[in-house]
Amino acid sequence: QVHLVESGGGLVQPGGSLRLSCAASGSIHTIRVMGWYRQAPGKQRELVAPITEGGSILYADSVEVRFTISRDDAKNTVYLQMNRLSPEDAAVYYCRARTAVLDDENDWWGQGTQVTVSS
């Protein structure tokens, strides 16, 4: 099992920045991919940025250049640096970890952290 705890959300003005953190615990060695997702009211949850075990990264078109995903293996933590935030970025941000042991794959989710972008 993997337990994920997000933090760092809050209220920020348009154009501002926030850094989200996702701390993982449990069977860390089974994690193959970690990623940030977000869900705005009335919308489906969408992928923001994943980072693989090998360090490969992707970004959703809507956040590329403005957001940066990174990780600190010593702290078992993945970060999402969000710059130039706009009201369209407001959502609950979730951290997801996909684990794999042989052919058994599982997804683990954090509880989410709210990001509000408003003046």
Protein backbone atom coordinates (compact mmCIF):
# COMPACT_ATOMS: atom_id res chain seq x y z
CA GLN A 1 0.00 0.00 0.00
CA VAL A 2 0.96 3.60 -0.57
CA HIS A 3 -0.30 6.58 1.38
CA LEU A 4 -0.22 10.03 -0.22
CA VAL A 5 -0.61 13.37 1.51
CA GLU A 6 -0.88 16.58 -0.50
CA SER A 7 -0.23 20.05 0.83
CA GLY A 8 0.47 23.55 -0.39
CA GLY A 9 -2.89 24.58 -1.79
CA GLY A 10 -4.53 27.85 -0.97
CA LEU A 11 -5.77 31.15 -2.30
CA VAL A 12 -3.59 33.05 -4.74
CA GLN A 13 -4.15 36.04 -6.98
CA PRO A 14 -4.07 35.69 -10.77
CA GLY A 15 -0.47 35.67 -11.93
CA GLY A 16 0.73 34.28 -8.63
CA SER A 17 2.51 31.05 -7.76
CA LEU A 18 2.02 28.06 -5.52
CA ARG A 19 4.01 24.92 -4.87
CA LEU A 20 2.15 21.73 -4.10
CA SER A 21 3.75 18.81 -2.32
CA CYS A 22 2.81 15.15 -2.30
CA ALA A 23 4.49 13.04 0.36
CA ALA A 24 4.38 9.30 -0.16
CA SER A 25 4.76 6.59 2.45
CA GLY A 26 4.36 2.84 2.57
CA SER A 27 5.59 0.62 -0.27
CA ILE A 28 7.57 3.35 -1.98
CA HIS A 29 9.69 0.90 -3.90
CA THR A 30 6.65 -0.30 -5.86
CA ILE A 31 5.80 3.14 -7.26
CA ARG A 32 6.29 3.34 -11.01
CA VAL A 33 4.58 6.64 -11.83
CA MET A 34 3.43 9.59 -9.77
CA GLY A 35 1.33 12.37 -11.12
CA TRP A 36 -0.74 15.42 -10.41
CA TYR A 37 -4.37 15.62 -11.46
CA ARG A 38 -6.95 18.31 -10.94
CA GLN A 39 -10.69 18.53 -10.87
CA ALA A 40 -12.67 21.75 -11.16
CA PRO A 41 -16.34 21.93 -10.16
CA GLY A 42 -18.54 20.32 -12.80
CA LYS A 43 -15.58 19.00 -14.76
CA GLN A 44 -13.85 15.66 -15.06
CA ARG A 45 -10.60 15.00 -13.31
CA GLU A 46 -7.74 15.72 -15.69
CA LEU A 47 -4.09 14.84 -15.79
CA VAL A 48 -1.77 17.77 -15.16
CA ALA A 49 1.67 16.18 -15.13
CA PRO A 50 3.12 12.70 -14.47
CA ILE A 51 6.67 11.76 -13.62
CA THR A 52 7.84 8.20 -14.07
CA GLU A 53 10.22 6.14 -12.00
CA GLY A 54 12.86 6.85 -14.63
CA GLY A 55 12.24 10.58 -14.57
CA SER A 56 10.19 11.00 -17.75
CA ILE A 57 7.80 13.91 -17.55
CA LEU A 58 4.77 15.07 -19.49
CA TYR A 59 2.62 18.15 -19.15
CA ALA A 60 -0.93 18.91 -20.16
CA ASP A 61 -0.95 21.52 -22.90
CA SER A 62 -2.78 23.94 -20.65
CA VAL A 63 0.00 24.03 -18.06
CA GLU A 64 3.17 23.46 -20.06
CA VAL A 65 5.78 26.17 -19.47
CA ARG A 66 3.89 27.46 -16.42
CA PHE A 67 3.99 24.33 -14.23
CA THR A 68 6.95 22.18 -13.26
CA ILE A 69 6.81 18.74 -11.69
CA SER A 70 9.79 17.48 -9.73
CA ARG A 71 10.61 15.01 -7.03
CA ASP A 72 12.91 14.57 -4.08
CA ASP A 73 13.60 10.86 -3.68
CA ALA A 74 15.24 11.39 -0.29
CA LYS A 75 11.97 12.82 1.00
CA ASN A 76 9.66 10.57 -1.04
CA THR A 77 7.96 13.73 -2.20
CA VAL A 78 6.75 14.99 -5.55
CA TYR A 79 6.23 18.70 -6.12
CA LEU A 80 4.21 20.78 -8.54
CA GLN A 81 5.48 24.31 -8.96
CA MET A 82 2.70 26.39 -10.46
CA ASN A 83 3.48 29.83 -11.88
CA ARG A 84 1.38 32.45 -13.62
CA LEU A 85 -1.78 30.99 -12.21
CA SER A 86 -5.09 31.92 -13.75
CA PRO A 87 -8.69 31.38 -12.60
CA GLU A 88 -8.84 28.45 -15.03
CA ASP A 89 -6.28 26.66 -12.86
CA ALA A 90 -8.56 26.70 -9.83
CA ALA A 91 -9.41 23.15 -8.82
CA VAL A 92 -8.79 20.45 -6.28
CA TYR A 93 -5.38 19.03 -7.06
CA TYR A 94 -4.79 15.35 -6.44
CA CYS A 95 -1.66 13.28 -6.32
CA ARG A 96 -1.75 9.77 -7.75
CA ALA A 97 0.75 6.95 -7.51
CA ARG A 98 0.66 3.87 -9.68
CA THR A 99 2.33 0.86 -8.17
CA ALA A 100 3.28 -2.36 -9.86
CA VAL A 101 4.40 -5.66 -8.47
CA LEU A 102 4.83 -8.18 -11.29
CA ASP A 103 1.49 -7.96 -13.16
CA ASP A 104 -0.45 -6.43 -10.28
CA GLU A 105 -1.00 -2.70 -10.76
CA ASN A 106 -2.81 -0.37 -8.38
CA ASP A 107 -3.58 3.32 -8.21
CA TRP A 108 -3.40 5.28 -4.97
CA TRP A 109 -4.79 8.76 -4.48
CA GLY A 110 -4.28 11.50 -1.98
CA GLN A 111 -7.10 13.44 -0.39
CA GLY A 112 -6.59 16.49 -2.58
CA THR A 113 -5.63 20.09 -1.92
CA GLN A 114 -7.72 23.06 -2.98
CA VAL A 115 -6.23 25.73 -5.22
CA THR A 116 -8.24 28.92 -5.57
CA VAL A 117 -7.18 31.66 -7.96
CA SER A 118 -9.03 34.88 -7.38
CA SER A 119 -8.42 38.57 -6.92
